[in-house]
């Protein structure tokens, strides 16, 4: 850890780049060499097409889990009476189609078959 005395830190012309405090000084943590070397290696690996392809799959899976969680949350808020929930208001896209007289398909499957 590097610590700067107030007399060193206060007059520094680039002090605002590193701290928003008006009174305190700046402490800078320096990771151990092994951790720094690992960070450099991992960041370089993240730039490779192989890593990016693997991450894209992971990102897709995480998005799917997020969507499932949102749907579960929505379903948990439905009335317990067994009644159908009120219809959702139309989206801006649905309003656009309506305004321009463009028919709306009930399902994307209808467009393919």
PDB file of N, CA and C in Angstrom:
ATOM      1  N   UNK A   1       0.857  -1.170   0.000  1.00  0.00           N
ATOM      2  CA  UNK A   1       0.000   0.000   0.000  1.00  0.00           C
ATOM      3  C   UNK A   1       0.903   1.232   0.000  1.00  0.00           C
ATOM      4  N   UNK A   2       0.620   2.132  -0.904  1.00  0.00           N
ATOM      5  CA  UNK A   2       1.354   3.397  -0.944  1.00  0.00           C
ATOM      6  C   UNK A   2       0.469   4.480  -0.339  1.00  0.00           C
ATOM      7  N   UNK A   3       1.013   5.228   0.591  1.00  0.00           N
ATOM      8  CA  UNK A   3       0.264   6.304   1.250  1.00  0.00           C
ATOM      9  C   UNK A   3       0.982   7.622   0.975  1.00  0.00           C
ATOM     10  N   UNK A   4       0.208   8.622   0.646  1.00  0.00           N
ATOM     11  CA  UNK A   4       0.767   9.936   0.363  1.00  0.00           C
ATOM     12  C   UNK A   4       0.416  10.880   1.500  1.00  0.00           C
ATOM     13  N   UNK A   5       1.399  11.631   1.962  1.00  0.00           N
ATOM     14  CA  UNK A   5       1.178  12.604   3.030  1.00  0.00           C
ATOM     15  C   UNK A   5       0.328  13.746   2.488  1.00  0.00           C
ATOM     16  N   UNK A   6      -0.348  14.435   3.395  1.00  0.00           N
ATOM     17  CA  UNK A   6      -1.209  15.542   2.990  1.00  0.00           C
ATOM     18  C   UNK A   6      -0.421  16.605   2.231  1.00  0.00           C
ATOM     19  N   UNK A   7       0.795  16.881   2.658  1.00  0.00           N
ATOM     20  CA  UNK A   7       1.613  17.905   1.987  1.00  0.00           C
ATOM     21  C   UNK A   7       2.011  17.470   0.571  1.00  0.00           C
ATOM     22  N   UNK A   8       2.029  16.154   0.316  1.00  0.00           N
ATOM     23  CA  UNK A   8       2.319  15.663  -1.034  1.00  0.00           C
ATOM     24  C   UNK A   8       1.058  15.642  -1.890  1.00  0.00           C
ATOM     25  N   UNK A   9      -0.046  15.255  -1.286  1.00  0.00           N
ATOM     26  CA  UNK A   9      -1.283  15.008  -2.025  1.00  0.00           C
ATOM     27  C   UNK A   9      -2.028  16.301  -2.367  1.00  0.00           C
ATOM     28  N   UNK A  10      -2.121  17.218  -1.426  1.00  0.00           N
ATOM     29  CA  UNK A  10      -2.925  18.423  -1.622  1.00  0.00           C
ATOM     30  C   UNK A  10      -2.495  19.269  -2.823  1.00  0.00           C
ATOM     31  N   UNK A  11      -1.206  19.536  -3.034  1.00  0.00           N
ATOM     32  CA  UNK A  11      -0.842  20.406  -4.167  1.00  0.00           C
ATOM     33  C   UNK A  11      -0.786  19.691  -5.526  1.00  0.00           C
ATOM     34  N   UNK A  12      -1.023  18.398  -5.579  1.00  0.00           N
ATOM     35  CA  UNK A  12      -0.888  17.637  -6.814  1.00  0.00           C
ATOM     36  C   UNK A  12      -1.868  18.156  -7.875  1.00  0.00           C
ATOM     37  N   UNK A  13      -1.400  18.485  -9.085  1.00  0.00           N
ATOM     38  CA  UNK A  13      -2.279  19.052 -10.116  1.00  0.00           C
ATOM     39  C   UNK A  13      -3.297  18.040 -10.678  1.00  0.00           C
ATOM     40  N   UNK A  14      -3.053  16.756 -10.514  1.00  0.00           N
ATOM     41  CA  UNK A  14      -3.985  15.753 -11.035  1.00  0.00           C
ATOM     42  C   UNK A  14      -4.712  15.023  -9.898  1.00  0.00           C
ATOM     43  N   UNK A  15      -4.733  15.621  -8.738  1.00  0.00           N
ATOM     44  CA  UNK A  15      -5.344  15.006  -7.559  1.00  0.00           C
ATOM     45  C   UNK A  15      -6.807  14.635  -7.793  1.00  0.00           C
ATOM     46  N   UNK A  16      -7.552  15.458  -8.532  1.00  0.00           N
ATOM     47  CA  UNK A  16      -8.969  15.195  -8.768  1.00  0.00           C
ATOM     48  C   UNK A  16      -9.191  13.960  -9.643  1.00  0.00           C
ATOM     49  N   UNK A  17      -8.167  13.499 -10.313  1.00  0.00           N
ATOM     50  CA  UNK A  17      -8.289  12.255 -11.102  1.00  0.00           C
ATOM     51  C   UNK A  17      -8.404  11.046 -10.180  1.00  0.00           C
ATOM     52  N   UNK A  18      -7.914  11.161  -8.955  1.00  0.00           N
ATOM     53  CA  UNK A  18      -7.780  10.011  -8.076  1.00  0.00           C
ATOM     54  C   UNK A  18      -8.654  10.039  -6.836  1.00  0.00           C
ATOM     55  N   UNK A  19      -9.111  11.213  -6.435  1.00  0.00           N
ATOM     56  CA  UNK A  19      -9.952  11.287  -5.242  1.00  0.00           C
ATOM     57  C   UNK A  19     -10.886  12.484  -5.341  1.00  0.00           C
ATOM     58  N   UNK A  20     -12.057  12.349  -4.739  1.00  0.00           N
ATOM     59  CA  UNK A  20     -13.009  13.461  -4.692  1.00  0.00           C
ATOM     60  C   UNK A  20     -12.979  14.144  -3.332  1.00  0.00           C
ATOM     61  N   UNK A  21     -12.235  13.571  -2.402  1.00  0.00           N
ATOM     62  CA  UNK A  21     -12.148  14.140  -1.064  1.00  0.00           C
ATOM     63  C   UNK A  21     -11.338  15.434  -1.091  1.00  0.00           C
ATOM     64  N   UNK A  22     -11.832  16.436  -0.360  1.00  0.00           N
ATOM     65  CA  UNK A  22     -11.104  17.706  -0.287  1.00  0.00           C
ATOM     66  C   UNK A  22     -10.023  17.678   0.789  1.00  0.00           C
ATOM     67  N   UNK A  23     -10.200  16.823   1.786  1.00  0.00           N
ATOM     68  CA  UNK A  23      -9.305  16.841   2.929  1.00  0.00           C
ATOM     69  C   UNK A  23      -8.340  15.664   2.992  1.00  0.00           C
ATOM     70  N   UNK A  24      -8.815  14.485   2.661  1.00  0.00           N
ATOM     71  CA  UNK A  24      -7.977  13.312   2.896  1.00  0.00           C
ATOM     72  C   UNK A  24      -6.912  13.139   1.808  1.00  0.00           C
ATOM     73  N   UNK A  25      -6.008  12.256   2.098  1.00  0.00           N
ATOM     74  CA  UNK A  25      -4.932  11.966   1.157  1.00  0.00           C
ATOM     75  C   UNK A  25      -5.283  10.709   0.378  1.00  0.00           C
ATOM     76  N   UNK A  26      -4.424  10.325  -0.520  1.00  0.00           N
ATOM     77  CA  UNK A  26      -4.666   9.182  -1.391  1.00  0.00           C
ATOM     78  C   UNK A  26      -3.853   7.991  -0.920  1.00  0.00           C
ATOM     79  N   UNK A  27      -4.523   6.827  -0.822  1.00  0.00           N
ATOM     80  CA  UNK A  27      -3.852   5.565  -0.563  1.00  0.00           C
ATOM     81  C   UNK A  27      -4.004   4.713  -1.821  1.00  0.00           C
ATOM     82  N   UNK A  28      -2.933   4.148  -2.268  1.00  0.00           N
ATOM     83  CA  UNK A  28      -2.955   3.344  -3.485  1.00  0.00           C
ATOM     84  C   UNK A  28      -2.538   1.925  -3.146  1.00  0.00           C
ATOM     85  N   UNK A  29      -3.419   0.969  -3.443  1.00  0.00           N
ATOM     86  CA  UNK A  29      -3.102  -0.440  -3.207  1.00  0.00           C
ATOM     87  C   UNK A  29      -2.382  -1.028  -4.412  1.00  0.00           C
ATOM     88  N   UNK A  30      -1.359  -1.766  -4.169  1.00  0.00           N
ATOM     89  CA  UNK A  30      -0.601  -2.429  -5.228  1.00  0.00           C
ATOM     90  C   UNK A  30      -0.724  -3.934  -4.989  1.00  0.00           C
ATOM     91  N   UNK A  31      -1.328  -4.649  -5.949  1.00  0.00           N
ATOM     92  CA  UNK A  31      -1.499  -6.087  -5.726  1.00  0.00           C
ATOM     93  C   UNK A  31      -0.154  -6.817  -5.769  1.00  0.00           C
ATOM     94  N   UNK A  32      -0.101  -7.998  -5.157  1.00  0.00           N
ATOM     95  CA  UNK A  32       1.124  -8.792  -5.244  1.00  0.00           C
ATOM     96  C   UNK A  32       1.430  -9.128  -6.712  1.00  0.00           C
ATOM     97  N   UNK A  33       2.676  -9.345  -7.023  1.00  0.00           N
ATOM     98  CA  UNK A  33       3.102  -9.600  -8.400  1.00  0.00           C
ATOM     99  C   UNK A  33       2.333 -10.762  -9.023  1.00  0.00           C
ATOM    100  N   UNK A  34       2.093 -11.832  -8.251  1.00  0.00           N
ATOM    101  CA  UNK A  34       1.391 -12.991  -8.786  1.00  0.00           C
ATOM    102  C   UNK A  34      -0.026 -12.620  -9.235  1.00  0.00           C
ATOM    103  N   UNK A  35      -0.715 -11.812  -8.421  1.00  0.00           N
ATOM    104  CA  UNK A  35      -2.062 -11.392  -8.776  1.00  0.00           C
ATOM    105  C   UNK A  35      -2.034 -10.484 -10.000  1.00  0.00           C
ATOM    106  N   UNK A  36      -1.098  -9.572 -10.047  1.00  0.00           N
ATOM    107  CA  UNK A  36      -0.985  -8.668 -11.195  1.00  0.00           C
ATOM    108  C   UNK A  36      -0.700  -9.461 -12.465  1.00  0.00           C
ATOM    109  N   UNK A  37       0.209 -10.428 -12.403  1.00  0.00           N
ATOM    110  CA  UNK A  37       0.518 -11.262 -13.573  1.00  0.00           C
ATOM    111  C   UNK A  37      -0.720 -12.036 -14.028  1.00  0.00           C
ATOM    112  N   UNK A  38      -1.507 -12.539 -13.067  1.00  0.00           N
ATOM    113  CA  UNK A  38      -2.732 -13.261 -13.395  1.00  0.00           C
ATOM    114  C   UNK A  38      -3.735 -12.331 -14.075  1.00  0.00           C
ATOM    115  N   UNK A  39      -3.885 -11.111 -13.571  1.00  0.00           N
ATOM    116  CA  UNK A  39      -4.799 -10.147 -14.174  1.00  0.00           C
ATOM    117  C   UNK A  39      -4.405  -9.845 -15.617  1.00  0.00           C
ATOM    118  N   UNK A  40      -3.124  -9.636 -15.843  1.00  0.00           N
ATOM    119  CA  UNK A  40      -2.642  -9.333 -17.198  1.00  0.00           C
ATOM    120  C   UNK A  40      -2.932 -10.500 -18.131  1.00  0.00           C
ATOM    121  N   UNK A  41      -2.662 -11.728 -17.654  1.00  0.00           N
ATOM    122  CA  UNK A  41      -2.874 -12.915 -18.488  1.00  0.00           C
ATOM    123  C   UNK A  41      -4.361 -13.119 -18.808  1.00  0.00           C
ATOM    124  N   UNK A  42      -5.220 -12.951 -17.800  1.00  0.00           N
ATOM    125  CA  UNK A  42      -6.655 -13.147 -18.004  1.00  0.00           C
ATOM    126  C   UNK A  42      -7.222 -12.074 -18.923  1.00  0.00           C
ATOM    127  N   UNK A  43      -6.810 -10.846 -18.746  1.00  0.00           N
ATOM    128  CA  UNK A  43      -7.307  -9.766 -19.617  1.00  0.00           C
ATOM    129  C   UNK A  43      -6.876  -9.979 -21.066  1.00  0.00           C
ATOM    130  N   UNK A  44      -5.673 -10.490 -21.280  1.00  0.00           N
ATOM    131  CA  UNK A  44      -5.220 -10.796 -22.641  1.00  0.00           C
ATOM    132  C   UNK A  44      -6.041 -11.949 -23.219  1.00  0.00           C
ATOM    133  N   UNK A  45      -6.320 -12.953 -22.392  1.00  0.00           N
ATOM    134  CA  UNK A  45      -7.112 -14.107 -22.851  1.00  0.00           C
ATOM    135  C   UNK A  45      -8.524 -13.675 -23.246  1.00  0.00           C
ATOM    136  N   UNK A  46      -9.067 -12.685 -22.549  1.00  0.00           N
ATOM    137  CA  UNK A  46     -10.424 -12.216 -22.839  1.00  0.00           C
ATOM    138  C   UNK A  46     -10.537 -11.570 -24.213  1.00  0.00           C
ATOM    139  N   UNK A  47      -9.429 -11.246 -24.818  1.00  0.00           N
ATOM    140  CA  UNK A  47      -9.453 -10.641 -26.152  1.00  0.00           C
ATOM    141  C   UNK A  47      -9.432 -11.677 -27.268  1.00  0.00           C
ATOM    142  N   UNK A  48      -9.283 -12.961 -26.936  1.00  0.00           N
ATOM    143  CA  UNK A  48      -9.202 -13.995 -27.966  1.00  0.00           C
ATOM    144  C   UNK A  48     -10.599 -14.388 -28.444  1.00  0.00           C
ATOM    145  N   UNK A  49     -10.723 -14.776 -29.715  1.00  0.00           N
ATOM    146  CA  UNK A  49     -12.026 -15.202 -30.236  1.00  0.00           C
ATOM    147  C   UNK A  49     -12.596 -16.407 -29.484  1.00  0.00           C
ATOM    148  N   UNK A  50     -11.741 -17.346 -29.058  1.00  0.00           N
ATOM    149  CA  UNK A  50     -12.211 -18.524 -28.340  1.00  0.00           C
ATOM    150  C   UNK A  50     -12.877 -18.126 -27.026  1.00  0.00           C
ATOM    151  N   UNK A  51     -12.231 -17.246 -26.261  1.00  0.00           N
ATOM    152  CA  UNK A  51     -12.801 -16.804 -24.987  1.00  0.00           C
ATOM    153  C   UNK A  51     -14.109 -16.066 -25.229  1.00  0.00           C
ATOM    154  N   UNK A  52     -14.140 -15.195 -26.234  1.00  0.00           N
ATOM    155  CA  UNK A  52     -15.338 -14.414 -26.509  1.00  0.00           C
ATOM    156  C   UNK A  52     -16.502 -15.313 -26.931  1.00  0.00           C
ATOM    157  N   UNK A  53     -16.212 -16.386 -27.679  1.00  0.00           N
ATOM    158  CA  UNK A  53     -17.264 -17.332 -28.069  1.00  0.00           C
ATOM    159  C   UNK A  53     -17.815 -18.046 -26.831  1.00  0.00           C
ATOM    160  N   UNK A  54     -16.930 -18.476 -25.943  1.00  0.00           N
ATOM    161  CA  UNK A  54     -17.387 -19.138 -24.709  1.00  0.00           C
ATOM    162  C   UNK A  54     -18.206 -18.169 -23.857  1.00  0.00           C
ATOM    163  N   UNK A  55     -17.754 -16.936 -23.783  1.00  0.00           N
ATOM    164  CA  UNK A  55     -18.464 -15.951 -22.978  1.00  0.00           C
ATOM    165  C   UNK A  55     -19.834 -15.642 -23.588  1.00  0.00           C
ATOM    166  N   UNK A  56     -19.937 -15.628 -24.902  1.00  0.00           N
ATOM    167  CA  UNK A  56     -21.223 -15.375 -25.553  1.00  0.00           C
ATOM    168  C   UNK A  56     -22.243 -16.439 -25.153  1.00  0.00           C
ATOM    169  N   UNK A  57     -21.804 -17.694 -25.091  1.00  0.00           N
ATOM    170  CA  UNK A  57     -22.699 -18.774 -24.665  1.00  0.00           C
ATOM    171  C   UNK A  57     -23.122 -18.543 -23.220  1.00  0.00           C
ATOM    172  N   UNK A  58     -22.149 -18.244 -22.375  1.00  0.00           N
ATOM    173  CA  UNK A  58     -22.465 -17.999 -20.962  1.00  0.00           C
ATOM    174  C   UNK A  58     -23.426 -16.832 -20.823  1.00  0.00           C
ATOM    175  N   UNK A  59     -23.188 -15.786 -21.585  1.00  0.00           N
ATOM    176  CA  UNK A  59     -24.039 -14.606 -21.517  1.00  0.00           C
ATOM    177  C   UNK A  59     -25.470 -14.966 -21.920  1.00  0.00           C
ATOM    178  N   UNK A  60     -25.611 -15.793 -22.956  1.00  0.00           N
ATOM    179  CA  UNK A  60     -26.937 -16.225 -23.390  1.00  0.00           C
ATOM    180  C   UNK A  60     -27.648 -17.031 -22.318  1.00  0.00           C
ATOM    181  N   UNK A  61     -26.906 -17.920 -21.668  1.00  0.00           N
ATOM    182  CA  UNK A  61     -27.492 -18.740 -20.600  1.00  0.00           C
ATOM    183  C   UNK A  61     -27.914 -17.847 -19.437  1.00  0.00           C
ATOM    184  N   UNK A  62     -27.059 -16.902 -19.053  1.00  0.00           N
ATOM    185  CA  UNK A  62     -27.406 -16.006 -17.949  1.00  0.00           C
ATOM    186  C   UNK A  62     -28.624 -15.162 -18.289  1.00  0.00           C
ATOM    187  N   UNK A  63     -28.738 -14.723 -19.540  1.00  0.00           N
ATOM    188  CA  UNK A  63     -29.914 -13.944 -19.954  1.00  0.00           C
ATOM    189  C   UNK A  63     -31.173 -14.789 -19.860  1.00  0.00           C
ATOM    190  N   UNK A  64     -31.062 -16.057 -20.251  1.00  0.00           N
ATOM    191  CA  UNK A  64     -32.206 -16.958 -20.165  1.00  0.00           C
ATOM    192  C   UNK A  64     -32.634 -17.135 -18.712  1.00  0.00           C
ATOM    193  N   UNK A  65     -31.678 -17.358 -17.815  1.00  0.00           N
ATOM    194  CA  UNK A  65     -32.008 -17.498 -16.389  1.00  0.00           C
ATOM    195  C   UNK A  65     -32.666 -16.231 -15.863  1.00  0.00           C
ATOM    196  N   UNK A  66     -32.153 -15.093 -16.285  1.00  0.00           N
ATOM    197  CA  UNK A  66     -32.744 -13.821 -15.850  1.00  0.00           C
ATOM    198  C   UNK A  66     -34.191 -13.716 -16.321  1.00  0.00           C
ATOM    199  N   UNK A  67     -34.428 -14.089 -17.590  1.00  0.00           N
ATOM    200  CA  UNK A  67     -35.795 -14.022 -18.126  1.00  0.00           C
ATOM    201  C   UNK A  67     -36.718 -14.974 -17.370  1.00  0.00           C
ATOM    202  N   UNK A  68     -36.220 -16.158 -17.051  1.00  0.00           N
ATOM    203  CA  UNK A  68     -37.028 -17.119 -16.284  1.00  0.00           C
ATOM    204  C   UNK A  68     -37.374 -16.538 -14.914  1.00  0.00           C
ATOM    205  N   UNK A  69     -36.385 -15.930 -14.265  1.00  0.00           N
ATOM    206  CA  UNK A  69     -36.622 -15.336 -12.942  1.00  0.00           C
ATOM    207  C   UNK A  69     -37.659 -14.224 -13.023  1.00  0.00           C
ATOM    208  N   UNK A  70     -37.598 -13.404 -14.055  1.00  0.00           N
ATOM    209  CA  UNK A  70     -38.573 -12.323 -14.219  1.00  0.00           C
ATOM    210  C   UNK A  70     -39.964 -12.910 -14.424  1.00  0.00           C
ATOM    211  N   UNK A  71     -40.065 -13.965 -15.239  1.00  0.00           N
ATOM    212  CA  UNK A  71     -41.364 -14.586 -15.474  1.00  0.00           C
ATOM    213  C   UNK A  71     -41.928 -15.204 -14.197  1.00  0.00           C
ATOM    214  N   UNK A  72     -41.070 -15.841 -13.406  1.00  0.00           N
ATOM    215  CA  UNK A  72     -41.523 -16.408 -12.137  1.00  0.00           C
ATOM    216  C   UNK A  72     -42.039 -15.300 -11.223  1.00  0.00           C
ATOM    217  N   UNK A  73     -41.313 -14.196 -11.186  1.00  0.00           N
ATOM    218  CA  UNK A  73     -41.739 -13.059 -10.360  1.00  0.00           C
ATOM    219  C   UNK A  73     -43.094 -12.542 -10.831  1.00  0.00           C
ATOM    220  N   UNK A  74     -43.275 -12.428 -12.141  1.00  0.00           N
ATOM    221  CA  UNK A  74     -44.562 -11.957 -12.667  1.00  0.00           C
ATOM    222  C   UNK A  74     -45.682 -12.934 -12.321  1.00  0.00           C
ATOM    223  N   UNK A  75     -45.399 -14.222 -12.513  1.00  0.00           N
ATOM    224  CA  UNK A  75     -46.423 -15.234 -12.230  1.00  0.00           C
ATOM    225  C   UNK A  75     -46.790 -15.256 -10.753  1.00  0.00           C
ATOM    226  N   UNK A  76     -45.833 -14.999  -9.892  1.00  0.00           N
ATOM    227  CA  UNK A  76     -46.120 -15.031  -8.460  1.00  0.00           C
ATOM    228  C   UNK A  76     -47.046 -13.893  -8.050  1.00  0.00           C
ATOM    229  N   UNK A  77     -47.154 -12.878  -8.870  1.00  0.00           N
ATOM    230  CA  UNK A  77     -48.021 -11.749  -8.561  1.00  0.00           C
ATOM    231  C   UNK A  77     -49.421 -11.884  -9.132  1.00  0.00           C
ATOM    232  N   UNK A  78     -49.712 -12.983  -9.843  1.00  0.00           N
ATOM    233  CA  UNK A  78     -51.046 -13.170 -10.408  1.00  0.00           C
ATOM    234  C   UNK A  78     -52.055 -13.474  -9.314  1.00  0.00           C
ATOM    235  N   UNK A  79     -53.304 -13.120  -9.556  1.00  0.00           N
ATOM    236  CA  UNK A  79     -54.325 -13.425  -8.552  1.00  0.00           C
ATOM    237  C   UNK A  79     -54.482 -14.937  -8.365  1.00  0.00           C
ATOM    238  N   UNK A  80     -54.803 -15.333  -7.147  1.00  0.00           N
ATOM    239  CA  UNK A  80     -54.932 -16.742  -6.809  1.00  0.00           C
ATOM    240  C   UNK A  80     -56.292 -17.315  -7.196  1.00  0.00           C
ATOM    241  N   UNK A  81     -57.193 -16.520  -7.722  1.00  0.00           N
ATOM    242  CA  UNK A  81     -58.563 -16.954  -7.990  1.00  0.00           C
ATOM    243  C   UNK A  81     -58.676 -17.830  -9.223  1.00  0.00           C
ATOM    244  N   UNK A  82     -57.650 -17.941  -9.997  1.00  0.00           N
ATOM    245  CA  UNK A  82     -57.721 -18.718 -11.227  1.00  0.00           C
ATOM    246  C   UNK A  82     -58.229 -17.893 -12.390  1.00  0.00           C
ATOM    247  N   UNK A  83     -58.539 -16.640 -12.119  1.00  0.00           N
ATOM    248  CA  UNK A  83     -58.996 -15.756 -13.190  1.00  0.00           C
ATOM    249  C   UNK A  83     -57.826 -15.406 -14.095  1.00  0.00           C
ATOM    250  N   UNK A  84     -58.128 -15.150 -15.331  1.00  0.00           N
ATOM    251  CA  UNK A  84     -57.098 -14.701 -16.259  1.00  0.00           C
ATOM    252  C   UNK A  84     -56.721 -13.267 -15.904  1.00  0.00           C
ATOM    253  N   UNK A  85     -55.456 -12.955 -15.965  1.00  0.00           N
ATOM    254  CA  UNK A  85     -55.057 -11.576 -15.655  1.00  0.00           C
ATOM    255  C   UNK A  85     -55.552 -10.629 -16.742  1.00  0.00           C
ATOM    256  N   UNK A  86     -55.709  -9.362 -16.416  1.00  0.00           N
ATOM    257  CA  UNK A  86     -56.145  -8.402 -17.441  1.00  0.00           C
ATOM    258  C   UNK A  86     -55.092  -8.314 -18.540  1.00  0.00           C
ATOM    259  N   UNK A  87     -55.504  -8.039 -19.773  1.00  0.00           N
ATOM    260  CA  UNK A  87     -54.529  -7.955 -20.855  1.00  0.00           C
ATOM    261  C   UNK A  87     -53.567  -6.795 -20.630  1.00  0.00           C
ATOM    262  N   UNK A  88     -52.338  -7.005 -21.084  1.00  0.00           N
ATOM    263  CA  UNK A  88     -51.360  -5.926 -20.972  1.00  0.00           C
ATOM    264  C   UNK A  88     -51.662  -4.869 -22.017  1.00  0.00           C
ATOM    265  N   UNK A  89     -51.312  -3.625 -21.740  1.00  0.00           N
ATOM    266  CA  UNK A  89     -51.520  -2.583 -22.749  1.00  0.00           C
ATOM    267  C   UNK A  89     -50.630  -2.852 -23.958  1.00  0.00           C
ATOM    268  N   UNK A  90     -51.043  -2.405 -25.135  1.00  0.00           N
ATOM    269  CA  UNK A  90     -50.228  -2.665 -26.323  1.00  0.00           C
ATOM    270  C   UNK A  90     -48.878  -1.958 -26.235  1.00  0.00           C
ATOM    271  N   UNK A  91     -47.891  -2.561 -26.876  1.00  0.00           N
ATOM    272  CA  UNK A  91     -46.557  -1.963 -26.933  1.00  0.00           C
ATOM    273  C   UNK A  91     -46.540  -0.867 -27.986  1.00  0.00           C
ATOM    274  N   UNK A  92     -45.481  -0.086 -28.003  1.00  0.00           N
ATOM    275  CA  UNK A  92     -45.340   0.965 -29.019  1.00  0.00           C
ATOM    276  C   UNK A  92     -45.326   0.344 -30.416  1.00  0.00           C
ATOM    277  N   UNK A  93     -44.702  -0.830 -30.544  1.00  0.00           N
ATOM    278  CA  UNK A  93     -44.653  -1.503 -31.841  1.00  0.00           C
ATOM    279  C   UNK A  93     -46.054  -1.936 -32.276  1.00  0.00           C
ATOM    280  N   UNK A  94     -46.829  -2.486 -31.335  1.00  0.00           N
ATOM    281  CA  UNK A  94     -48.197  -2.884 -31.661  1.00  0.00           C
ATOM    282  C   UNK A  94     -49.040  -1.667 -32.050  1.00  0.00           C
ATOM    283  N   UNK A  95     -48.847  -0.556 -31.370  1.00  0.00           N
ATOM    284  CA  UNK A  95     -49.558   0.671 -31.728  1.00  0.00           C
ATOM    285  C   UNK A  95     -49.172   1.135 -33.127  1.00  0.00           C
ATOM    286  N   UNK A  96     -47.895   1.046 -33.465  1.00  0.00           N
ATOM    287  CA  UNK A  96     -47.430   1.425 -34.802  1.00  0.00           C
ATOM    288  C   UNK A  96     -48.115   0.581 -35.867  1.00  0.00           C
ATOM    289  N   UNK A  97     -48.140  -0.750 -35.646  1.00  0.00           N
ATOM    290  CA  UNK A  97     -48.788  -1.638 -36.617  1.00  0.00           C
ATOM    291  C   UNK A  97     -50.258  -1.273 -36.778  1.00  0.00           C
ATOM    292  N   UNK A  98     -50.929  -1.012 -35.679  1.00  0.00           N
ATOM    293  CA  UNK A  98     -52.346  -0.646 -35.709  1.00  0.00           C
ATOM    294  C   UNK A  98     -52.557   0.654 -36.482  1.00  0.00           C
ATOM    295  N   UNK A  99     -51.731   1.654 -36.222  1.00  0.00           N
ATOM    296  CA  UNK A  99     -51.870   2.952 -36.882  1.00  0.00           C
ATOM    297  C   UNK A  99     -51.651   2.865 -38.383  1.00  0.00           C
ATOM    298  N   UNK A 100     -50.834   1.921 -38.818  1.00  0.00           N
ATOM    299  CA  UNK A 100     -50.522   1.785 -40.241  1.00  0.00           C
ATOM    300  C   UNK A 100     -51.309   0.665 -40.915  1.00  0.00           C
ATOM    301  N   UNK A 101     -52.263   0.103 -40.201  1.00  0.00           N
ATOM    302  CA  UNK A 101     -53.115  -0.919 -40.774  1.00  0.00           C
ATOM    303  C   UNK A 101     -52.387  -2.207 -41.127  1.00  0.00           C
ATOM    304  N   UNK A 102     -51.317  -2.495 -40.424  1.00  0.00           N
ATOM    305  CA  UNK A 102     -50.540  -3.712 -40.682  1.00  0.00           C
ATOM    306  C   UNK A 102     -51.094  -4.812 -39.779  1.00  0.00           C
ATOM    307  N   UNK A 103     -51.503  -5.962 -40.380  1.00  0.00           N
ATOM    308  CA  UNK A 103     -52.061  -7.020 -39.535  1.00  0.00           C
ATOM    309  C   UNK A 103     -51.007  -7.597 -38.595  1.00  0.00           C
ATOM    310  N   UNK A 104     -51.461  -7.940 -37.416  1.00  0.00           N
ATOM    311  CA  UNK A 104     -50.575  -8.527 -36.416  1.00  0.00           C
ATOM    312  C   UNK A 104     -50.825 -10.024 -36.350  1.00  0.00           C
ATOM    313  N   UNK A 105     -49.780 -10.800 -36.506  1.00  0.00           N
ATOM    314  CA  UNK A 105     -49.902 -12.238 -36.385  1.00  0.00           C
ATOM    315  C   UNK A 105     -50.055 -12.614 -34.927  1.00  0.00           C
ATOM    316  N   UNK A 106     -50.794 -13.650 -34.654  1.00  0.00           N
ATOM    317  CA  UNK A 106     -50.962 -14.115 -33.280  1.00  0.00           C
ATOM    318  C   UNK A 106     -49.709 -14.813 -32.772  1.00  0.00           C
ATOM    319  N   UNK A 107     -48.913 -15.341 -33.706  1.00  0.00           N
ATOM    320  CA  UNK A 107     -47.716 -16.082 -33.306  1.00  0.00           C
ATOM    321  C   UNK A 107     -46.671 -15.935 -34.394  1.00  0.00           C
ATOM    322  N   UNK A 108     -45.419 -15.903 -34.010  1.00  0.00           N
ATOM    323  CA  UNK A 108     -44.334 -15.871 -34.991  1.00  0.00           C
ATOM    324  C   UNK A 108     -44.325 -17.155 -35.809  1.00  0.00           C
ATOM    325  N   UNK A 109     -44.867 -18.237 -35.250  1.00  0.00           N
ATOM    326  CA  UNK A 109     -44.892 -19.511 -35.965  1.00  0.00           C
ATOM    327  C   UNK A 109     -45.777 -19.410 -37.204  1.00  0.00           C
ATOM    328  N   UNK A 110     -46.802 -18.563 -37.130  1.00  0.00           N
ATOM    329  CA  UNK A 110     -47.713 -18.412 -38.265  1.00  0.00           C
ATOM    330  C   UNK A 110     -46.988 -17.863 -39.490  1.00  0.00           C
ATOM    331  N   UNK A 111     -45.952 -17.072 -39.273  1.00  0.00           N
ATOM    332  CA  UNK A 111     -45.205 -16.496 -40.384  1.00  0.00           C
ATOM    333  C   UNK A 111     -44.334 -17.544 -41.069  1.00  0.00           C
ATOM    334  N   UNK A 112     -43.988 -18.612 -40.353  1.00  0.00           N
ATOM    335  CA  UNK A 112     -43.076 -19.627 -40.896  1.00  0.00           C
ATOM    336  C   UNK A 112     -43.797 -20.874 -41.390  1.00  0.00           C
ATOM    337  N   UNK A 113     -45.049 -20.956 -41.262  1.00  0.00           N
ATOM    338  CA  UNK A 113     -45.629 -22.204 -41.685  1.00  0.00           C
ATOM    339  C   UNK A 113     -47.075 -22.144 -41.706  1.00  0.00           C
TER     340      UNK A 113
END
